[in-house]
Amino acid sequence: MFRIGPRIDLGDEDSKQKVFGSALAILVGLGIVFLGFSTLQSQNQALENPVNVSATVVETGIEQSSSRRGGIDYQPEVLFEYSYEGENYTSTNMYPGGQKAEHYNLEKKAREITQEYSQGSQITVSVPPDNPGEAFIRARETSDPLFFIAVGLLFMGMGTYSFLKRNYL
């Protein structure tokens, strides 16, 4: 026999926690989807009609951070200065949409990236005319925004399934 309509009973503490947990998962998922979508939009806008300008590499380095796997991740950083329409800017964006270089689990891989850009060298960077402070070195799309969208949809799906299973199924 099928039941029509919700059977939400918030009388006991366990029910309140489950509904709250489902709602929280949906909201977190929504936020992650929004982050991925806005990054994807920024990336697409930056790649629309970028202007190539000459830039000077000011500094290179490797930033270390703890990884979720328990080891250390290494992220190459390239700081460069450039001028666009009479204004001076600095940036560390490797990719469009304000994205930094990828994280590597081997320092050697990160060092290979920084060795491509020696301090004081001239490089060509792409400047999005709508956002000239967000110049980037490599004009290619990354899959990071799609990953965030997928993870956000997963959270939303789990929260929705949990809510529906508890209250309707």
N, C-alpha and C. Protein backbone atom coordinates (compact mmCIF):
# COMPACT_ATOMS: atom_id res chain seq x y z
N MET A 1 0.83 -1.17 0.00
CA MET A 1 0.00 0.00 0.00
C MET A 1 0.89 1.24 0.00
N PHE A 2 0.52 2.23 -0.80
CA PHE A 2 1.29 3.46 -0.90
C PHE A 2 0.69 4.53 -0.02
N ARG A 3 1.56 5.32 0.56
CA ARG A 3 1.10 6.45 1.36
C ARG A 3 1.30 7.72 0.55
N ILE A 4 0.34 8.54 0.53
CA ILE A 4 0.43 9.81 -0.18
C ILE A 4 0.61 10.90 0.87
N GLY A 5 1.60 11.77 0.62
CA GLY A 5 1.84 12.86 1.55
C GLY A 5 2.97 12.52 2.51
N PRO A 6 3.53 13.55 3.10
CA PRO A 6 4.67 13.33 3.99
C PRO A 6 4.26 12.73 5.33
N ARG A 7 5.18 12.03 5.90
CA ARG A 7 4.97 11.52 7.25
C ARG A 7 6.09 12.05 8.15
N ILE A 8 6.32 13.32 8.03
CA ILE A 8 7.37 13.97 8.82
C ILE A 8 6.88 14.10 10.25
N ASP A 9 7.61 13.46 11.13
CA ASP A 9 7.28 13.54 12.54
C ASP A 9 8.51 14.05 13.26
N LEU A 10 8.47 15.27 13.66
CA LEU A 10 9.62 15.87 14.33
C LEU A 10 9.48 15.81 15.84
N GLY A 11 8.72 14.87 16.31
CA GLY A 11 8.47 14.78 17.74
C GLY A 11 9.68 14.35 18.54
N ASP A 12 10.44 13.41 18.05
CA ASP A 12 11.59 12.95 18.84
C ASP A 12 12.89 13.56 18.32
N GLU A 13 13.91 13.53 19.14
CA GLU A 13 15.20 14.17 18.84
C GLU A 13 15.89 13.51 17.66
N ASP A 14 15.76 12.20 17.51
CA ASP A 14 16.40 11.47 16.40
C ASP A 14 15.84 11.94 15.06
N SER A 15 14.54 12.14 14.97
CA SER A 15 13.91 12.61 13.72
C SER A 15 14.40 14.01 13.37
N LYS A 16 14.51 14.86 14.37
CA LYS A 16 14.98 16.22 14.13
C LYS A 16 16.41 16.20 13.58
N GLN A 17 17.25 15.36 14.16
CA GLN A 17 18.63 15.29 13.71
C GLN A 17 18.74 14.76 12.28
N LYS A 18 17.92 13.78 11.94
CA LYS A 18 17.97 13.22 10.59
C LYS A 18 17.49 14.22 9.54
N VAL A 19 16.41 14.94 9.84
CA VAL A 19 15.93 15.96 8.92
C VAL A 19 16.96 17.08 8.79
N PHE A 20 17.54 17.48 9.92
CA PHE A 20 18.57 18.52 9.90
C PHE A 20 19.78 18.05 9.09
N GLY A 21 20.20 16.80 9.27
CA GLY A 21 21.34 16.25 8.52
C GLY A 21 21.08 16.22 7.03
N SER A 22 19.87 15.83 6.64
CA SER A 22 19.50 15.81 5.22
C SER A 22 19.52 17.22 4.64
N ALA A 23 18.92 18.17 5.38
CA ALA A 23 18.88 19.55 4.91
C ALA A 23 20.29 20.14 4.82
N LEU A 24 21.13 19.81 5.77
CA LEU A 24 22.50 20.31 5.75
C LEU A 24 23.26 19.76 4.54
N ALA A 25 23.10 18.47 4.25
CA ALA A 25 23.77 17.87 3.09
C ALA A 25 23.30 18.54 1.80
N ILE A 26 22.01 18.83 1.70
CA ILE A 26 21.48 19.49 0.51
C ILE A 26 22.05 20.90 0.38
N LEU A 27 22.10 21.64 1.48
CA LEU A 27 22.62 23.01 1.45
C LEU A 27 24.12 23.04 1.13
N VAL A 28 24.88 22.13 1.72
CA VAL A 28 26.32 22.06 1.43
C VAL A 28 26.51 21.73 -0.05
N GLY A 29 25.75 20.77 -0.54
CA GLY A 29 25.83 20.40 -1.95
C GLY A 29 25.49 21.57 -2.85
N LEU A 30 24.47 22.33 -2.49
CA LEU A 30 24.08 23.50 -3.27
C LEU A 30 25.22 24.52 -3.30
N GLY A 31 25.86 24.72 -2.17
CA GLY A 31 27.00 25.66 -2.10
C GLY A 31 28.16 25.20 -2.96
N ILE A 32 28.45 23.91 -2.95
CA ILE A 32 29.56 23.39 -3.75
C ILE A 32 29.24 23.49 -5.24
N VAL A 33 27.99 23.20 -5.61
CA VAL A 33 27.58 23.34 -7.01
C VAL A 33 27.71 24.80 -7.43
N PHE A 34 27.29 25.73 -6.58
CA PHE A 34 27.41 27.16 -6.89
C PHE A 34 28.87 27.55 -7.08
N LEU A 35 29.75 27.06 -6.21
CA LEU A 35 31.18 27.35 -6.33
C LEU A 35 31.72 26.83 -7.66
N GLY A 36 31.39 25.60 -8.00
CA GLY A 36 31.85 25.02 -9.26
C GLY A 36 31.31 25.77 -10.46
N PHE A 37 30.03 26.13 -10.40
CA PHE A 37 29.42 26.84 -11.51
C PHE A 37 30.04 28.23 -11.69
N SER A 38 30.25 28.95 -10.59
CA SER A 38 30.84 30.29 -10.70
C SER A 38 32.28 30.22 -11.18
N THR A 39 33.03 29.20 -10.77
CA THR A 39 34.40 29.02 -11.26
C THR A 39 34.39 28.70 -12.75
N LEU A 40 33.46 27.85 -13.17
CA LEU A 40 33.34 27.50 -14.59
C LEU A 40 32.99 28.74 -15.40
N GLN A 41 32.09 29.56 -14.89
CA GLN A 41 31.69 30.77 -15.58
C GLN A 41 32.87 31.75 -15.67
N SER A 42 33.62 31.91 -14.59
CA SER A 42 34.79 32.79 -14.59
C SER A 42 35.83 32.30 -15.60
N GLN A 43 36.02 30.99 -15.62
CA GLN A 43 36.98 30.39 -16.54
C GLN A 43 36.56 30.64 -17.99
N ASN A 44 35.29 30.44 -18.29
CA ASN A 44 34.80 30.66 -19.66
C ASN A 44 34.89 32.13 -20.06
N GLN A 45 34.56 33.04 -19.15
CA GLN A 45 34.65 34.47 -19.45
C GLN A 45 36.10 34.87 -19.70
N ALA A 46 37.02 34.32 -18.90
CA ALA A 46 38.43 34.67 -19.06
C ALA A 46 38.98 34.17 -20.40
N LEU A 47 38.45 33.07 -20.89
CA LEU A 47 38.93 32.51 -22.15
C LEU A 47 38.21 33.09 -23.37
N GLU A 48 37.20 33.93 -23.13
CA GLU A 48 36.39 34.45 -24.23
C GLU A 48 37.22 35.28 -25.22
N ASN A 49 37.84 36.34 -24.79
CA ASN A 49 38.64 37.21 -25.66
C ASN A 49 39.85 37.75 -24.91
N PRO A 50 40.73 36.89 -24.43
CA PRO A 50 41.86 37.42 -23.65
C PRO A 50 42.84 38.18 -24.55
N VAL A 51 43.49 39.16 -23.94
CA VAL A 51 44.51 39.95 -24.63
C VAL A 51 45.86 39.47 -24.12
N ASN A 52 46.75 39.13 -25.04
CA ASN A 52 48.08 38.67 -24.65
C ASN A 52 48.98 39.88 -24.41
N VAL A 53 49.64 39.89 -23.26
CA VAL A 53 50.58 40.95 -22.92
C VAL A 53 51.87 40.32 -22.39
N SER A 54 52.92 41.10 -22.38
CA SER A 54 54.20 40.65 -21.85
C SER A 54 54.22 40.87 -20.34
N ALA A 55 54.78 39.90 -19.64
CA ALA A 55 54.88 39.99 -18.18
C ALA A 55 56.29 39.61 -17.75
N THR A 56 56.65 40.05 -16.57
CA THR A 56 57.95 39.71 -16.00
C THR A 56 57.75 38.82 -14.78
N VAL A 57 58.47 37.70 -14.76
CA VAL A 57 58.40 36.79 -13.61
C VAL A 57 59.16 37.44 -12.47
N VAL A 58 58.49 37.66 -11.37
CA VAL A 58 59.08 38.31 -10.21
C VAL A 58 59.67 37.26 -9.27
N GLU A 59 58.93 36.19 -9.06
CA GLU A 59 59.35 35.19 -8.08
C GLU A 59 58.70 33.84 -8.41
N THR A 60 59.42 32.78 -8.12
CA THR A 60 58.85 31.44 -8.24
C THR A 60 59.10 30.71 -6.93
N GLY A 61 58.26 29.76 -6.64
CA GLY A 61 58.43 28.99 -5.42
C GLY A 61 57.49 27.81 -5.41
N ILE A 62 57.59 27.04 -4.35
CA ILE A 62 56.73 25.87 -4.19
C ILE A 62 56.11 25.94 -2.80
N GLU A 63 54.79 25.94 -2.79
CA GLU A 63 54.06 25.97 -1.53
C GLU A 63 53.73 24.54 -1.11
N GLN A 64 53.97 24.24 0.15
CA GLN A 64 53.68 22.91 0.68
C GLN A 64 52.42 22.97 1.55
N SER A 65 51.61 21.92 1.44
CA SER A 65 50.43 21.83 2.29
C SER A 65 50.15 20.36 2.58
N SER A 66 49.47 20.12 3.68
CA SER A 66 49.11 18.75 4.03
C SER A 66 48.04 18.25 3.08
N SER A 67 48.21 17.02 2.64
CA SER A 67 47.21 16.45 1.74
C SER A 67 46.23 15.60 2.54
N ARG A 68 45.12 15.30 1.91
CA ARG A 68 44.12 14.45 2.57
C ARG A 68 44.61 13.01 2.68
N ARG A 69 45.60 12.67 1.90
CA ARG A 69 46.14 11.31 1.93
C ARG A 69 47.13 11.11 3.07
N GLY A 70 47.42 12.18 3.79
CA GLY A 70 48.34 12.08 4.92
C GLY A 70 49.75 12.52 4.58
N GLY A 71 50.04 12.78 3.33
CA GLY A 71 51.37 13.23 2.91
C GLY A 71 51.41 14.73 2.73
N ILE A 72 52.30 15.16 1.86
CA ILE A 72 52.46 16.58 1.58
C ILE A 72 52.18 16.81 0.10
N ASP A 73 51.42 17.87 -0.19
CA ASP A 73 51.19 18.29 -1.57
C ASP A 73 52.08 19.48 -1.86
N TYR A 74 52.51 19.58 -3.11
CA TYR A 74 53.38 20.67 -3.54
C TYR A 74 52.69 21.43 -4.66
N GLN A 75 52.60 22.75 -4.51
CA GLN A 75 51.95 23.58 -5.52
C GLN A 75 52.95 24.62 -6.02
N PRO A 76 53.27 24.56 -7.32
CA PRO A 76 54.18 25.58 -7.86
C PRO A 76 53.50 26.94 -7.89
N GLU A 77 54.26 27.98 -7.61
CA GLU A 77 53.74 29.34 -7.66
C GLU A 77 54.66 30.20 -8.50
N VAL A 78 54.07 30.96 -9.40
CA VAL A 78 54.80 31.88 -10.26
C VAL A 78 54.14 33.24 -10.10
N LEU A 79 54.85 34.18 -9.51
CA LEU A 79 54.36 35.55 -9.35
C LEU A 79 54.89 36.38 -10.51
N PHE A 80 53.98 37.04 -11.22
CA PHE A 80 54.42 37.85 -12.37
C PHE A 80 53.74 39.21 -12.35
N GLU A 81 54.45 40.19 -12.94
CA GLU A 81 53.96 41.57 -13.05
C GLU A 81 53.70 41.88 -14.51
N TYR A 82 52.64 42.67 -14.75
CA TYR A 82 52.32 43.04 -16.11
C TYR A 82 51.58 44.37 -16.10
N SER A 83 51.52 44.99 -17.26
CA SER A 83 50.78 46.24 -17.43
C SER A 83 49.68 46.02 -18.45
N TYR A 84 48.51 46.60 -18.16
CA TYR A 84 47.40 46.53 -19.09
C TYR A 84 46.66 47.86 -19.07
N GLU A 85 46.59 48.50 -20.22
CA GLU A 85 45.95 49.80 -20.38
C GLU A 85 46.46 50.82 -19.36
N GLY A 86 47.77 50.86 -19.17
CA GLY A 86 48.39 51.86 -18.31
C GLY A 86 48.41 51.54 -16.83
N GLU A 87 47.78 50.46 -16.43
CA GLU A 87 47.75 50.05 -15.02
C GLU A 87 48.70 48.87 -14.80
N ASN A 88 49.35 48.83 -13.63
CA ASN A 88 50.24 47.73 -13.29
C ASN A 88 49.52 46.72 -12.40
N TYR A 89 49.78 45.45 -12.65
CA TYR A 89 49.13 44.37 -11.91
C TYR A 89 50.14 43.29 -11.57
N THR A 90 49.80 42.47 -10.59
CA THR A 90 50.55 41.24 -10.29
C THR A 90 49.55 40.10 -10.18
N SER A 91 50.01 38.90 -10.48
CA SER A 91 49.12 37.74 -10.41
C SER A 91 49.95 36.48 -10.19
N THR A 92 49.29 35.45 -9.70
CA THR A 92 49.91 34.12 -9.57
C THR A 92 49.05 33.07 -10.24
N ASN A 93 48.08 33.50 -11.07
CA ASN A 93 47.16 32.55 -11.69
C ASN A 93 47.84 31.78 -12.81
N MET A 94 47.77 30.48 -12.70
CA MET A 94 48.31 29.63 -13.75
C MET A 94 47.26 29.44 -14.85
N TYR A 95 46.00 29.33 -14.44
CA TYR A 95 44.90 29.05 -15.37
C TYR A 95 43.83 30.13 -15.26
N PRO A 96 42.93 30.21 -16.25
CA PRO A 96 41.88 31.22 -16.22
C PRO A 96 40.90 31.02 -15.06
N GLY A 97 40.23 32.09 -14.71
CA GLY A 97 39.24 32.03 -13.65
C GLY A 97 39.84 32.10 -12.26
N GLY A 98 41.07 32.60 -12.15
CA GLY A 98 41.70 32.74 -10.85
C GLY A 98 42.25 31.45 -10.27
N GLN A 99 42.48 30.45 -11.12
CA GLN A 99 42.95 29.16 -10.62
C GLN A 99 44.47 29.09 -10.59
N LYS A 100 44.97 28.61 -9.48
CA LYS A 100 46.40 28.43 -9.30
C LYS A 100 46.85 27.15 -9.99
N ALA A 101 48.11 26.86 -9.91
CA ALA A 101 48.64 25.62 -10.50
C ALA A 101 48.12 24.42 -9.72
N GLU A 102 48.19 23.28 -10.35
CA GLU A 102 47.73 22.05 -9.73
C GLU A 102 48.63 21.66 -8.57
N HIS A 103 48.10 20.85 -7.66
CA HIS A 103 48.88 20.30 -6.56
C HIS A 103 49.50 18.99 -7.02
N TYR A 104 50.72 18.75 -6.61
CA TYR A 104 51.41 17.50 -6.96
C TYR A 104 51.84 16.81 -5.68
N ASN A 105 51.87 15.48 -5.71
CA ASN A 105 52.33 14.77 -4.53
C ASN A 105 53.84 14.56 -4.55
N LEU A 106 54.49 14.93 -5.64
CA LEU A 106 55.94 14.87 -5.72
C LEU A 106 56.51 16.27 -5.93
N GLU A 107 57.48 16.63 -5.11
CA GLU A 107 58.08 17.95 -5.23
C GLU A 107 58.75 18.12 -6.59
N LYS A 108 59.29 17.03 -7.13
CA LYS A 108 59.98 17.06 -8.42
C LYS A 108 59.05 17.59 -9.52
N LYS A 109 57.77 17.16 -9.52
CA LYS A 109 56.81 17.60 -10.53
C LYS A 109 56.55 19.10 -10.41
N ALA A 110 56.39 19.57 -9.17
CA ALA A 110 56.15 21.00 -8.95
C ALA A 110 57.37 21.81 -9.35
N ARG A 111 58.56 21.31 -9.08
CA ARG A 111 59.79 22.01 -9.43
C ARG A 111 59.95 22.12 -10.94
N GLU A 112 59.50 21.10 -11.68
CA GLU A 112 59.57 21.15 -13.15
C GLU A 112 58.77 22.33 -13.68
N ILE A 113 57.63 22.60 -13.07
CA ILE A 113 56.80 23.72 -13.50
C ILE A 113 57.50 25.04 -13.23
N THR A 114 58.04 25.20 -12.02
CA THR A 114 58.69 26.48 -11.68
C THR A 114 59.96 26.71 -12.49
N GLN A 115 60.62 25.64 -12.93
CA GLN A 115 61.85 25.80 -13.71
C GLN A 115 61.56 26.35 -15.11
N GLU A 116 60.31 26.24 -15.55
CA GLU A 116 59.94 26.82 -16.85
C GLU A 116 59.93 28.34 -16.79
N TYR A 117 59.85 28.91 -15.59
CA TYR A 117 59.70 30.35 -15.41
C TYR A 117 60.78 30.87 -14.47
N SER A 118 61.90 31.30 -15.01
CA SER A 118 62.98 31.80 -14.17
C SER A 118 62.73 33.26 -13.80
N GLN A 119 63.22 33.63 -12.63
CA GLN A 119 63.03 34.98 -12.11
C GLN A 119 63.62 36.00 -13.08
N GLY A 120 62.84 37.03 -13.41
CA GLY A 120 63.29 38.08 -14.31
C GLY A 120 63.01 37.82 -15.77
N SER A 121 62.55 36.62 -16.11
CA SER A 121 62.29 36.30 -17.52
C SER A 121 60.98 36.94 -17.98
N GLN A 122 60.89 37.15 -19.28
CA GLN A 122 59.69 37.70 -19.90
C GLN A 122 58.83 36.54 -20.40
N ILE A 123 57.54 36.59 -20.05
CA ILE A 123 56.60 35.58 -20.51
C ILE A 123 55.38 36.29 -21.08
N THR A 124 54.61 35.56 -21.86
CA THR A 124 53.36 36.10 -22.38
C THR A 124 52.23 35.55 -21.53
N VAL A 125 51.38 36.46 -21.04
CA VAL A 125 50.22 36.06 -20.23
C VAL A 125 48.95 36.56 -20.93
N SER A 126 47.84 35.96 -20.57
CA SER A 126 46.54 36.35 -21.13
C SER A 126 45.78 37.16 -20.09
N VAL A 127 45.25 38.30 -20.52
CA VAL A 127 44.51 39.19 -19.63
C VAL A 127 43.05 39.25 -20.08
N PRO A 128 42.12 38.85 -19.21
CA PRO A 128 40.71 39.03 -19.57
C PRO A 128 40.35 40.52 -19.48
N PRO A 129 39.88 41.13 -20.57
CA PRO A 129 39.60 42.57 -20.56
C PRO A 129 38.58 42.99 -19.49
N ASP A 130 37.64 42.12 -19.16
CA ASP A 130 36.63 42.45 -18.15
C ASP A 130 37.19 42.41 -16.73
N ASN A 131 38.30 41.70 -16.53
CA ASN A 131 38.89 41.55 -15.20
C ASN A 131 40.41 41.55 -15.34
N PRO A 132 41.02 42.71 -15.60
CA PRO A 132 42.45 42.74 -15.92
C PRO A 132 43.38 42.32 -14.78
N GLY A 133 42.88 42.27 -13.57
CA GLY A 133 43.71 41.84 -12.44
C GLY A 133 43.84 40.33 -12.34
N GLU A 134 43.16 39.59 -13.21
CA GLU A 134 43.16 38.12 -13.17
C GLU A 134 43.88 37.50 -14.36
N ALA A 135 45.03 38.03 -14.73
CA ALA A 135 45.80 37.46 -15.84
C ALA A 135 46.24 36.04 -15.49
N PHE A 136 46.47 35.25 -16.52
CA PHE A 136 46.87 33.86 -16.32
C PHE A 136 47.92 33.46 -17.35
N ILE A 137 48.66 32.42 -17.02
CA ILE A 137 49.78 31.99 -17.87
C ILE A 137 49.32 31.02 -18.96
N ARG A 138 48.56 30.01 -18.56
CA ARG A 138 48.17 28.96 -19.50
C ARG A 138 46.69 29.08 -19.86
N ALA A 139 46.42 29.33 -21.13
CA ALA A 139 45.06 29.55 -21.60
C ALA A 139 44.39 28.22 -21.97
N ARG A 140 44.02 27.49 -20.95
CA ARG A 140 43.28 26.24 -21.20
C ARG A 140 42.31 26.00 -20.04
N GLU A 141 41.24 25.31 -20.37
CA GLU A 141 40.24 25.00 -19.36
C GLU A 141 40.75 23.88 -18.46
N THR A 142 40.32 23.93 -17.21
CA THR A 142 40.62 22.84 -16.28
C THR A 142 39.32 22.14 -15.93
N SER A 143 39.43 20.95 -15.42
CA SER A 143 38.23 20.18 -15.05
C SER A 143 37.82 20.42 -13.59
N ASP A 144 38.54 21.27 -12.88
CA ASP A 144 38.22 21.52 -11.47
C ASP A 144 36.77 21.95 -11.24
N PRO A 145 36.24 22.90 -12.03
CA PRO A 145 34.85 23.30 -11.78
C PRO A 145 33.86 22.15 -11.95
N LEU A 146 34.10 21.29 -12.93
CA LEU A 146 33.20 20.16 -13.15
C LEU A 146 33.27 19.17 -11.99
N PHE A 147 34.45 19.02 -11.41
CA PHE A 147 34.62 18.16 -10.24
C PHE A 147 33.79 18.69 -9.07
N PHE A 148 33.85 20.01 -8.84
CA PHE A 148 33.07 20.61 -7.76
C PHE A 148 31.57 20.45 -7.99
N ILE A 149 31.15 20.65 -9.23
CA ILE A 149 29.73 20.49 -9.54
C ILE A 149 29.29 19.05 -9.27
N ALA A 150 30.11 18.08 -9.68
CA ALA A 150 29.77 16.67 -9.46
C ALA A 150 29.70 16.34 -7.98
N VAL A 151 30.65 16.81 -7.19
CA VAL A 151 30.65 16.55 -5.75
C VAL A 151 29.43 17.21 -5.10
N GLY A 152 29.11 18.42 -5.51
CA GLY A 152 27.94 19.11 -4.98
C GLY A 152 26.65 18.37 -5.30
N LEU A 153 26.53 17.88 -6.53
CA LEU A 153 25.35 17.11 -6.91
C LEU A 153 25.26 15.81 -6.11
N LEU A 154 26.41 15.22 -5.82
CA LEU A 154 26.44 14.00 -5.00
C LEU A 154 25.90 14.29 -3.59
N PHE A 155 26.36 15.38 -2.99
CA PHE A 155 25.87 15.76 -1.66
C PHE A 155 24.37 16.02 -1.70
N MET A 156 23.92 16.75 -2.72
CA MET A 156 22.50 17.05 -2.83
C MET A 156 21.68 15.77 -3.02
N GLY A 157 22.19 14.87 -3.82
CA GLY A 157 21.50 13.60 -4.05
C GLY A 157 21.41 12.76 -2.79
N MET A 158 22.51 12.69 -2.03
CA MET A 158 22.49 11.92 -0.78
C MET A 158 21.53 12.52 0.23
N GLY A 159 21.54 13.85 0.35
CA GLY A 159 20.63 14.50 1.28
C GLY A 159 19.18 14.33 0.88
N THR A 160 18.90 14.45 -0.41
CA THR A 160 17.53 14.28 -0.90
C THR A 160 17.06 12.84 -0.71
N TYR A 161 17.93 11.89 -1.05
CA TYR A 161 17.57 10.48 -0.88
C TYR A 161 17.29 10.16 0.59
N SER A 162 18.16 10.67 1.45
CA SER A 162 17.97 10.42 2.90
C SER A 162 16.65 11.01 3.38
N PHE A 163 16.34 12.21 2.95
CA PHE A 163 15.10 12.85 3.36
C PHE A 163 13.88 12.09 2.82
N LEU A 164 13.91 11.76 1.53
CA LEU A 164 12.78 11.06 0.94
C LEU A 164 12.60 9.67 1.54
N LYS A 165 13.70 8.98 1.76
CA LYS A 165 13.61 7.63 2.33
C LYS A 165 13.00 7.69 3.73
N ARG A 166 13.40 8.65 4.49
CA ARG A 166 12.92 8.77 5.86
C ARG A 166 11.44 9.19 5.93
N ASN A 167 11.03 10.06 5.02
CA ASN A 167 9.70 10.67 5.13
C ASN A 167 8.66 10.19 4.14
N TYR A 168 9.07 9.60 3.03
CA TYR A 168 8.08 9.22 2.03
C TYR A 168 8.11 7.74 1.64
N LEU A 169 9.24 7.11 1.75
CA LEU A 169 9.35 5.72 1.28
C LEU A 169 9.17 4.72 2.39
